C-alpha atoms as a PDB file:
ATOM      1  CA  UNK A   1     163.980 131.375 107.239  1.00  0.00           C
ATOM      2  CA  UNK A   2     161.302 128.857 108.211  1.00  0.00           C
ATOM      3  CA  UNK A   3     161.353 125.195 107.161  1.00  0.00           C
ATOM      4  CA  UNK A   4     158.330 124.387 104.727  1.00  0.00           C
ATOM      5  CA  UNK A   5     158.360 120.480 106.031  1.00  0.00           C
ATOM      6  CA  UNK A   6     156.263 121.115 109.089  1.00  0.00           C
ATOM      7  CA  UNK A   7     153.563 122.553 106.793  1.00  0.00           C
ATOM      8  CA  UNK A   8     153.866 119.719 104.507  1.00  0.00           C
ATOM      9  CA  UNK A   9     153.542 117.136 106.969  1.00  0.00           C
ATOM     10  CA  UNK A  10     150.467 118.876 108.525  1.00  0.00           C
ATOM     11  CA  UNK A  11     148.975 119.225 104.967  1.00  0.00           C
ATOM     12  CA  UNK A  12     149.467 115.630 104.662  1.00  0.00           C
ATOM     13  CA  UNK A  13     148.127 114.998 107.837  1.00  0.00           C
ATOM     14  CA  UNK A  14     145.017 116.780 107.178  1.00  0.00           C
ATOM     15  CA  UNK A  15     144.372 114.975 103.673  1.00  0.00           C
ATOM     16  CA  UNK A  16     144.681 111.505 105.360  1.00  0.00           C
ATOM     17  CA  UNK A  17     142.121 112.539 108.246  1.00  0.00           C
ATOM     18  CA  UNK A  18     140.066 113.867 105.331  1.00  0.00           C
ATOM     19  CA  UNK A  19     140.392 110.758 103.366  1.00  0.00           C
ATOM     20  CA  UNK A  20     139.738 108.520 106.167  1.00  0.00           C
ATOM     21  CA  UNK A  21     136.929 110.567 107.112  1.00  0.00           C
ATOM     22  CA  UNK A  22     135.023 110.044 103.384  1.00  0.00           C
ATOM     23  CA  UNK A  23     136.260 106.658 103.343  1.00  0.00           C
ATOM     24  CA  UNK A  24     133.859 105.916 106.305  1.00  0.00           C
ATOM     25  CA  UNK A  25     130.795 108.010 104.757  1.00  0.00           C
ATOM     26  CA  UNK A  26     130.914 106.891 101.376  1.00  0.00           C
ATOM     27  CA  UNK A  27     129.465 103.706 102.116  1.00  0.00           C
ATOM     28  CA  UNK A  28     126.926 105.686 104.123  1.00  0.00           C
ATOM     29  CA  UNK A  29     125.795 107.185 101.185  1.00  0.00           C
ATOM     30  CA  UNK A  30     125.245 104.267  99.329  1.00  0.00           C
ATOM     31  CA  UNK A  31     122.850 103.055 101.407  1.00  0.00           C
ATOM     32  CA  UNK A  32     121.124 106.326 101.456  1.00  0.00           C
ATOM     33  CA  UNK A  33     119.580 105.996  98.169  1.00  0.00           C
ATOM     34  CA  UNK A  34     115.969 106.302  97.404  1.00  0.00           C
ATOM     35  CA  UNK A  35     114.676 102.438  96.856  1.00  0.00           C
ATOM     36  CA  UNK A  36     112.720 101.762  93.835  1.00  0.00           C
ATOM     37  CA  UNK A  37     108.814 101.249  95.081  1.00  0.00           C
ATOM     38  CA  UNK A  38     106.782  97.942  94.137  1.00  0.00           C
ATOM     39  CA  UNK A  39     103.947  99.254  91.801  1.00  0.00           C
ATOM     40  CA  UNK A  40     100.117  98.941  92.659  1.00  0.00           C
ATOM     41  CA  UNK A  41      97.492  99.131  89.637  1.00  0.00           C
ATOM     42  CA  UNK A  42      94.234 100.218  91.404  1.00  0.00           C
ATOM     43  CA  UNK A  43      91.060 101.259  89.887  1.00  0.00           C
ATOM     44  CA  UNK A  44      92.977 101.444  86.316  1.00  0.00           C
ATOM     45  CA  UNK A  45      95.812 103.625  87.496  1.00  0.00           C
ATOM     46  CA  UNK A  46      99.445 102.698  88.446  1.00  0.00           C
ATOM     47  CA  UNK A  47     100.579 103.904  91.663  1.00  0.00           C
ATOM     48  CA  UNK A  48     103.893 103.860  93.791  1.00  0.00           C
ATOM     49  CA  UNK A  49     103.314 101.177  96.963  1.00  0.00           C
ATOM     50  CA  UNK A  50     105.206 102.478 100.245  1.00  0.00           C
ATOM     51  CA  UNK A  51     104.699  99.047 101.547  1.00  0.00           C
ATOM     52  CA  UNK A  52     106.007  95.405 101.125  1.00  0.00           C
ATOM     53  CA  UNK A  53     103.605  92.637 101.194  1.00  0.00           C
ATOM     54  CA  UNK A  54     105.893  90.053  99.530  1.00  0.00           C
ATOM     55  CA  UNK A  55     107.789  90.351 102.711  1.00  0.00           C
ATOM     56  CA  UNK A  56     105.044  88.889 104.845  1.00  0.00           C
ATOM     57  CA  UNK A  57     104.958  85.887 102.425  1.00  0.00           C
ATOM     58  CA  UNK A  58     108.431  84.672 103.616  1.00  0.00           C
ATOM     59  CA  UNK A  59     108.853  82.855 107.100  1.00  0.00           C
ATOM     60  CA  UNK A  60     109.539  79.828 108.822  1.00  0.00           C
ATOM     61  CA  UNK A  61     108.690  76.802 106.342  1.00  0.00           C
ATOM     62  CA  UNK A  62     108.745  79.270 103.364  1.00  0.00           C
ATOM     63  CA  UNK A  63     112.375  80.812 103.406  1.00  0.00           C
ATOM     64  CA  UNK A  64     112.860  83.941 101.494  1.00  0.00           C
ATOM     65  CA  UNK A  65     115.279  83.439  98.480  1.00  0.00           C
ATOM     66  CA  UNK A  66     118.459  85.024  98.645  1.00  0.00           C
ATOM     67  CA  UNK A  67     117.790  87.829  96.598  1.00  0.00           C
ATOM     68  CA  UNK A  68     120.457  90.200  95.171  1.00  0.00           C
ATOM     69  CA  UNK A  69     120.706  93.846  94.947  1.00  0.00           C
ATOM     70  CA  UNK A  70     120.932  94.616  91.423  1.00  0.00           C
ATOM     71  CA  UNK A  71     121.910  98.558  92.317  1.00  0.00           C
ATOM     72  CA  UNK A  72     121.577 100.237  95.462  1.00  0.00           C
ATOM     73  CA  UNK A  73     118.190 101.531  94.514  1.00  0.00           C
ATOM     74  CA  UNK A  74     116.887  97.975  94.986  1.00  0.00           C
ATOM     75  CA  UNK A  75     118.509  96.444  98.218  1.00  0.00           C
ATOM     76  CA  UNK A  76     115.635  94.241  98.619  1.00  0.00           C
ATOM     77  CA  UNK A  77     116.550  92.505  95.256  1.00  0.00           C
ATOM     78  CA  UNK A  78     113.111  92.817  93.817  1.00  0.00           C
ATOM     79  CA  UNK A  79     110.335  94.846  92.485  1.00  0.00           C
ATOM     80  CA  UNK A  80     106.834  93.614  92.783  1.00  0.00           C
ATOM     81  CA  UNK A  81     103.548  94.758  90.575  1.00  0.00           C
ATOM     82  CA  UNK A  82     100.707  94.308  92.484  1.00  0.00           C
ATOM     83  CA  UNK A  83      96.654  94.987  91.542  1.00  0.00           C
ATOM     84  CA  UNK A  84      93.846  94.981  93.294  1.00  0.00           C
ATOM     85  CA  UNK A  85      90.941  93.624  91.234  1.00  0.00           C
ATOM     86  CA  UNK A  86      87.417  93.223  92.620  1.00  0.00           C
ATOM     87  CA  UNK A  87      88.589  93.623  96.267  1.00  0.00           C
ATOM     88  CA  UNK A  88      91.449  91.117  95.737  1.00  0.00           C
ATOM     89  CA  UNK A  89      95.259  92.062  96.362  1.00  0.00           C
ATOM     90  CA  UNK A  90      97.180  90.141  93.782  1.00  0.00           C
ATOM     91  CA  UNK A  91     100.741  89.676  92.810  1.00  0.00           C
ATOM     92  CA  UNK A  92     100.687  90.235  89.217  1.00  0.00           C
ATOM     93  CA  UNK A  93     104.532  90.230  88.409  1.00  0.00           C
ATOM     94  CA  UNK A  94     107.727  90.335  89.811  1.00  0.00           C
ATOM     95  CA  UNK A  95     111.187  91.187  88.621  1.00  0.00           C
ATOM     96  CA  UNK A  96     113.889  89.771  91.337  1.00  0.00           C
ATOM     97  CA  UNK A  97     117.401  89.222  91.135  1.00  0.00           C
ATOM     98  CA  UNK A  98     118.909  85.911  92.658  1.00  0.00           C
ATOM     99  CA  UNK A  99     122.439  84.250  92.203  1.00  0.00           C
ATOM    100  CA  UNK A 100     121.180  82.778  88.778  1.00  0.00           C
ATOM    101  CA  UNK A 101     120.167  86.183  87.469  1.00  0.00           C
ATOM    102  CA  UNK A 102     116.874  87.909  86.707  1.00  0.00           C
ATOM    103  CA  UNK A 103     113.915  85.733  87.839  1.00  0.00           C
ATOM    104  CA  UNK A 104     110.154  86.233  87.543  1.00  0.00           C
ATOM    105  CA  UNK A 105     106.959  84.984  88.831  1.00  0.00           C
ATOM    106  CA  UNK A 106     106.992  81.462  87.942  1.00  0.00           C
ATOM    107  CA  UNK A 107     110.541  80.894  89.088  1.00  0.00           C
ATOM    108  CA  UNK A 108     109.394  82.099  92.700  1.00  0.00           C
ATOM    109  CA  UNK A 109     105.730  80.326  92.464  1.00  0.00           C
ATOM    110  CA  UNK A 110     106.510  77.640  90.413  1.00  0.00           C
ATOM    111  CA  UNK A 111     103.583  76.343  88.463  1.00  0.00           C
ATOM    112  CA  UNK A 112     101.809  79.890  88.344  1.00  0.00           C
ATOM    113  CA  UNK A 113     102.017  82.107  85.344  1.00  0.00           C
ATOM    114  CA  UNK A 114      99.077  84.396  86.205  1.00  0.00           C
ATOM    115  CA  UNK A 115      98.248  86.424  89.280  1.00  0.00           C
ATOM    116  CA  UNK A 116      98.728  85.157  92.718  1.00  0.00           C
ATOM    117  CA  UNK A 117      95.985  86.147  95.318  1.00  0.00           C
ATOM    118  CA  UNK A 118      98.051  87.703  98.047  1.00  0.00           C
ATOM    119  CA  UNK A 119      96.001  85.585 100.734  1.00  0.00           C
ATOM    120  CA  UNK A 120      99.303  85.555 103.183  1.00  0.00           C
ATOM    121  CA  UNK A 121      99.196  89.458 103.518  1.00  0.00           C
ATOM    122  CA  UNK A 122      97.506  91.166 106.475  1.00  0.00           C
ATOM    123  CA  UNK A 123      98.055  94.634 106.881  1.00  0.00           C
ATOM    124  CA  UNK A 124      98.104  98.188 105.514  1.00  0.00           C
ATOM    125  CA  UNK A 125      99.219  99.283 102.003  1.00  0.00           C
ATOM    126  CA  UNK A 126     100.371 103.222 102.003  1.00  0.00           C
ATOM    127  CA  UNK A 127      99.976 104.260  98.661  1.00  0.00           C
ATOM    128  CA  UNK A 128     101.414 107.758  98.211  1.00  0.00           C
ATOM    129  CA  UNK A 129      99.145 110.641  96.783  1.00  0.00           C
ATOM    130  CA  UNK A 130      99.699 114.358  95.439  1.00  0.00           C
ATOM    131  CA  UNK A 131     102.869 115.891  95.868  1.00  0.00           C
ATOM    132  CA  UNK A 132     106.048 115.261  97.262  1.00  0.00           C
ATOM    133  CA  UNK A 133     106.519 117.447 100.808  1.00  0.00           C
ATOM    134  CA  UNK A 134     109.800 116.194 101.626  1.00  0.00           C
ATOM    135  CA  UNK A 135     112.474 114.253  99.664  1.00  0.00           C
ATOM    136  CA  UNK A 136     113.481 111.337 101.890  1.00  0.00           C
ATOM    137  CA  UNK A 137     114.966 108.102 101.954  1.00  0.00           C
ATOM    138  CA  UNK A 138     113.945 104.977 101.627  1.00  0.00           C
ATOM    139  CA  UNK A 139     111.143 107.123 100.069  1.00  0.00           C
ATOM    140  CA  UNK A 140     109.985 110.870  99.556  1.00  0.00           C
ATOM    141  CA  UNK A 141     107.290 112.040 102.044  1.00  0.00           C
ATOM    142  CA  UNK A 142     104.077 113.009 100.560  1.00  0.00           C
ATOM    143  CA  UNK A 143     101.200 115.208 101.818  1.00  0.00           C
ATOM    144  CA  UNK A 144      98.528 112.432 101.741  1.00  0.00           C
ATOM    145  CA  UNK A 145      98.315 108.758 101.586  1.00  0.00           C
ATOM    146  CA  UNK A 146      95.639 106.635 100.666  1.00  0.00           C
ATOM    147  CA  UNK A 147      95.882 103.720 103.400  1.00  0.00           C
ATOM    148  CA  UNK A 148      94.140 100.300 102.177  1.00  0.00           C
ATOM    149  CA  UNK A 149      93.314  97.830 104.790  1.00  0.00           C
ATOM    150  CA  UNK A 150      94.017  94.488 103.709  1.00  0.00           C
ATOM    151  CA  UNK A 151      92.979  90.766 105.733  1.00  0.00           C
ATOM    152  CA  UNK A 152      94.103  87.775 104.110  1.00  0.00           C
ATOM    153  CA  UNK A 153      94.584  89.538 100.521  1.00  0.00           C
ATOM    154  CA  UNK A 154      90.996  90.963 100.464  1.00  0.00           C
ATOM    155  CA  UNK A 155      90.583  94.586 100.756  1.00  0.00           C
ATOM    156  CA  UNK A 156      88.350  95.431 103.825  1.00  0.00           C
ATOM    157  CA  UNK A 157      88.995  99.342 104.016  1.00  0.00           C
ATOM    158  CA  UNK A 158      90.233 102.613 102.211  1.00  0.00           C
ATOM    159  CA  UNK A 159      90.826 106.123 103.323  1.00  0.00           C
ATOM    160  CA  UNK A 160      93.083 108.780 102.346  1.00  0.00           C
ATOM    161  CA  UNK A 161      94.860 110.522 105.506  1.00  0.00           C
ATOM    162  CA  UNK A 162      97.240 113.342 105.675  1.00  0.00           C
ATOM    163  CA  UNK A 163     101.185 112.930 106.024  1.00  0.00           C
ATOM    164  CA  UNK A 164     101.136 110.555 109.081  1.00  0.00           C
ATOM    165  CA  UNK A 165     104.317 111.857 110.015  1.00  0.00           C
ATOM    166  CA  UNK A 166     106.704 109.617 112.031  1.00  0.00           C
ATOM    167  CA  UNK A 167     104.426 108.042 114.129  1.00  0.00           C
ATOM    168  CA  UNK A 168     103.840 104.142 113.240  1.00  0.00           C
ATOM    169  CA  UNK A 169     100.750 103.294 111.463  1.00  0.00           C
ATOM    170  CA  UNK A 170      97.867 101.747 113.357  1.00  0.00           C
ATOM    171  CA  UNK A 171      97.754  97.826 112.682  1.00  0.00           C
ATOM    172  CA  UNK A 172      94.515  96.585 111.552  1.00  0.00           C
END
């Protein structure tokens, strides 16, 4: 007769090993949540924005608030709504979360209730176009993108490009 104690111990060891691996991977899976995009209103249409122009606002002399993630789809702690009107990029609204709870545009830009011209931003806005060709994290990959070049809050160029792949976008 063969004792079964060895098999039980082996099964427990395997179970502990599997649980250990899962405990390590679960936090990684939580970080792999597709992120909510900022929103851009352009030519009367609402678009997702694969760029974060608000991040350029913060720096020395203007520290970034201690935003809190309200969920795993918003690690940056805010969702900004932008608009391009008459060639000017403006921050139209923001929903952000801090230690005080949910805050908006007047809390982050005291004394400002309406749109704030994004004069701090120079760079390229990446606006997905058409169909998703690959679900990916933090944002899905699209077949085409509208690339909007902005200098000090003013649009200087727009062009549609095929999926740029993994190569970094040119800085302008």
